[in-house]
N, C-alpha and C. Protein backbone atom coordinates (compact mmCIF):
# COMPACT_ATOMS: atom_id res chain seq x y z
N MET A 1 128.15 100.85 104.87
CA MET A 1 127.54 102.06 103.85
C MET A 1 126.53 101.74 103.00
N ALA A 2 125.61 102.40 102.99
CA ALA A 2 124.36 102.30 102.12
C ALA A 2 124.98 102.53 100.68
N THR A 3 124.13 102.06 99.99
CA THR A 3 124.77 102.09 98.36
C THR A 3 123.78 103.60 98.27
N LYS A 4 124.19 104.18 96.90
CA LYS A 4 123.55 105.15 96.24
C LYS A 4 122.11 104.86 96.17
N GLU A 5 121.58 103.95 95.72
CA GLU A 5 120.46 103.43 95.35
C GLU A 5 119.65 103.36 96.86
N GLU A 6 120.11 102.84 97.86
CA GLU A 6 119.14 102.78 99.17
C GLU A 6 119.23 103.80 99.65
N LEU A 7 120.47 104.97 99.79
CA LEU A 7 120.42 106.34 100.16
C LEU A 7 118.99 107.17 99.05
N ILE A 8 118.88 107.08 97.84
CA ILE A 8 117.78 107.70 97.19
C ILE A 8 116.51 107.10 97.80
N GLN A 9 116.46 105.93 97.96
CA GLN A 9 114.97 105.43 98.47
C GLN A 9 114.61 105.75 99.94
N GLU A 10 116.01 106.11 100.55
CA GLU A 10 115.66 106.62 101.99
C GLU A 10 115.28 107.96 101.98
N LEU A 11 116.10 108.42 101.21
CA LEU A 11 115.63 110.22 100.96
C LEU A 11 114.13 110.16 100.47
N SER A 12 113.79 109.46 99.50
CA SER A 12 112.34 109.55 99.10
C SER A 12 111.29 109.16 100.04
N ASP A 13 111.51 108.05 100.99
CA ASP A 13 110.91 107.78 101.94
C ASP A 13 110.58 108.60 103.20
N ALA A 14 111.84 109.36 103.35
CA ALA A 14 111.91 110.36 104.26
C ALA A 14 110.75 111.34 104.11
N VAL A 15 110.79 111.98 102.91
CA VAL A 15 109.76 112.97 102.22
C VAL A 15 108.25 112.55 102.41
N ILE A 16 108.40 111.56 101.74
CA ILE A 16 106.84 110.90 102.01
C ILE A 16 106.42 110.60 103.54
N SER A 17 107.04 110.51 104.35
CA SER A 17 106.89 110.30 105.88
C SER A 17 106.36 111.99 106.48
N CYS A 18 106.78 112.93 105.65
CA CYS A 18 106.39 114.35 105.98
C CYS A 18 107.08 114.80 107.50
N LYS A 19 108.18 114.08 107.78
CA LYS A 19 108.68 114.54 108.96
C LYS A 19 109.87 115.08 108.79
N ARG A 20 110.21 116.24 109.07
CA ARG A 20 111.37 117.14 108.56
C ARG A 20 112.87 116.77 109.52
N ASP A 21 112.61 116.02 110.39
CA ASP A 21 113.70 115.47 111.42
C ASP A 21 114.10 114.15 110.46
N VAL A 22 113.18 113.44 109.78
CA VAL A 22 113.78 112.17 109.17
C VAL A 22 114.32 112.51 107.73
N VAL A 23 113.99 113.78 107.28
CA VAL A 23 114.46 114.35 106.15
C VAL A 23 115.74 114.51 106.14
N LEU A 24 115.89 115.67 107.38
CA LEU A 24 117.40 116.17 107.74
C LEU A 24 118.33 115.03 108.11
N ALA A 25 117.94 113.92 108.56
CA ALA A 25 118.91 112.97 109.07
C ALA A 25 119.12 112.23 107.84
N ALA A 26 118.32 112.15 106.82
CA ALA A 26 118.57 110.98 105.72
C ALA A 26 119.38 112.11 104.27
N VAL A 27 119.38 113.49 104.71
CA VAL A 27 120.29 114.45 104.04
C VAL A 27 121.61 114.23 104.35
N GLU A 28 121.80 114.53 105.49
CA GLU A 28 123.14 114.18 106.22
C GLU A 28 123.92 112.87 105.81
N LYS A 29 123.09 111.84 106.02
CA LYS A 29 123.46 110.58 105.47
C LYS A 29 124.09 110.74 104.22
N ALA A 30 123.21 111.38 103.38
CA ALA A 30 123.77 111.10 101.76
C ALA A 30 124.65 112.14 101.64
N LYS A 31 125.04 113.13 102.43
CA LYS A 31 125.74 113.91 101.92
C LYS A 31 127.29 113.65 102.16
N GLU A 32 127.45 112.38 102.51
CA GLU A 32 128.52 112.15 102.53
C GLU A 32 129.14 111.01 101.46
N VAL A 33 128.03 110.57 100.52
CA VAL A 33 128.31 109.84 99.34
C VAL A 33 127.99 110.87 98.24
N MET A 34 126.84 111.40 98.30
CA MET A 34 126.23 112.04 97.08
C MET A 34 126.40 113.35 96.88
N GLU A 35 126.48 113.69 95.65
CA GLU A 35 126.23 115.36 95.38
C GLU A 35 125.11 115.88 95.81
N PRO A 36 125.16 117.36 96.02
CA PRO A 36 123.72 118.00 96.60
C PRO A 36 122.69 118.16 95.72
N ALA A 37 122.94 118.50 94.20
CA ALA A 37 122.24 118.33 93.26
C ALA A 37 121.55 116.67 92.85
N GLU A 38 122.69 115.90 93.12
CA GLU A 38 122.00 114.48 92.98
C GLU A 38 121.09 114.02 93.98
N ILE A 39 121.43 114.60 95.43
CA ILE A 39 120.43 114.26 96.70
C ILE A 39 118.84 114.99 96.38
N ILE A 40 119.14 116.11 95.68
CA ILE A 40 117.41 116.93 95.27
C ILE A 40 117.16 116.31 94.29
N GLU A 41 117.78 116.25 93.00
CA GLU A 41 117.25 115.41 92.06
C GLU A 41 116.81 114.35 91.80
N LYS A 42 117.64 113.38 92.69
CA LYS A 42 117.11 111.93 92.61
C LYS A 42 116.44 111.69 93.76
N GLY A 43 116.74 112.14 94.73
CA GLY A 43 116.06 111.44 96.34
C GLY A 43 114.66 112.59 96.31
N LEU A 44 114.97 113.62 96.78
CA LEU A 44 113.93 114.76 97.25
C LEU A 44 112.57 114.60 96.22
N SER A 45 113.29 114.95 95.18
CA SER A 45 112.33 115.20 94.14
C SER A 45 111.47 113.78 93.38
N GLU A 46 111.88 112.85 94.03
CA GLU A 46 110.98 111.71 93.83
C GLU A 46 110.36 111.40 94.92
N GLY A 47 110.74 111.72 96.04
CA GLY A 47 109.53 111.77 97.08
C GLY A 47 108.52 112.73 97.13
N MET A 48 108.69 113.67 96.42
CA MET A 48 107.73 114.70 96.01
C MET A 48 106.65 114.27 94.94
N ASN A 49 107.17 113.63 94.24
CA ASN A 49 106.52 113.09 93.17
C ASN A 49 105.57 112.06 93.90
N GLN A 50 106.04 111.31 94.18
CA GLN A 50 105.33 109.87 95.15
C GLN A 50 103.92 110.84 96.09
N VAL A 51 104.65 111.62 96.59
CA VAL A 51 103.75 112.51 97.45
C VAL A 51 102.43 113.07 96.49
N GLY A 52 102.92 113.53 95.59
CA GLY A 52 101.98 113.91 94.30
C GLY A 52 100.79 113.06 94.09
N ILE A 53 101.62 111.83 93.88
CA ILE A 53 100.72 110.68 93.27
C ILE A 53 99.66 110.13 94.64
N LEU A 54 100.20 110.07 95.50
CA LEU A 54 99.38 109.97 97.00
C LEU A 54 98.12 110.86 97.17
N PHE A 55 98.45 111.92 97.02
CA PHE A 55 97.57 113.21 97.09
C PHE A 55 96.57 112.70 95.91
N GLU A 56 97.08 112.57 94.81
CA GLU A 56 95.86 112.57 93.52
C GLU A 56 94.82 111.14 93.97
N ARG A 57 95.57 110.41 94.50
CA ARG A 57 94.56 108.93 94.92
C ARG A 57 93.95 109.09 96.19
N GLY A 58 94.13 110.28 96.53
CA GLY A 58 93.31 110.64 97.94
C GLY A 58 93.80 110.03 99.26
N LYS A 59 95.04 109.40 98.97
CA LYS A 59 95.75 108.31 100.19
C LYS A 59 96.29 109.83 101.12
N LEU A 60 96.79 110.99 100.58
CA LEU A 60 97.36 111.91 101.47
C LEU A 60 96.48 113.18 101.06
N PHE A 61 96.37 114.08 102.14
CA PHE A 61 95.64 115.37 102.29
C PHE A 61 96.44 116.69 101.74
N LEU A 62 95.83 117.66 101.89
CA LEU A 62 96.86 119.02 101.40
C LEU A 62 97.89 119.14 102.40
N PRO A 63 97.25 119.29 103.84
CA PRO A 63 98.28 119.41 104.99
C PRO A 63 99.63 118.48 104.91
N HIS A 64 99.13 117.24 104.39
CA HIS A 64 100.49 116.18 104.46
C HIS A 64 101.18 116.88 103.22
N VAL A 65 100.62 117.13 102.35
CA VAL A 65 101.54 117.64 100.90
C VAL A 65 102.37 118.78 101.54
N MET A 66 101.71 119.94 102.19
CA MET A 66 102.26 120.86 102.76
C MET A 66 103.34 120.68 103.47
N MET A 67 103.50 119.54 104.37
CA MET A 67 104.52 119.21 105.35
C MET A 67 105.65 118.53 104.60
N ALA A 68 105.14 117.83 103.56
CA ALA A 68 106.36 116.99 102.82
C ALA A 68 107.24 118.20 102.19
N ALA A 69 106.49 118.93 101.39
CA ALA A 69 107.25 120.30 101.13
C ALA A 69 108.08 120.78 101.67
N ASP A 70 107.81 121.35 102.92
CA ASP A 70 108.40 122.14 104.13
C ASP A 70 109.75 121.13 104.47
N ALA A 71 109.41 119.99 104.49
CA ALA A 71 110.44 118.94 105.04
C ALA A 71 111.50 119.19 103.77
């Protein structure tokens, strides 16, 4: 079983990947150990923060940001 820190990182990485199925799989895995608010606040939000940073640096473009937000 993964630790909470590993699950949080997995959630964040899933959002950064901009792939809905990866995000959903990570959320399902995290639901077994974490509360929904914690999944959103610590995992998914951190992923979106990283997407924003990558967008500012020109490493991601608007379609990637929109796909990450949708995921």
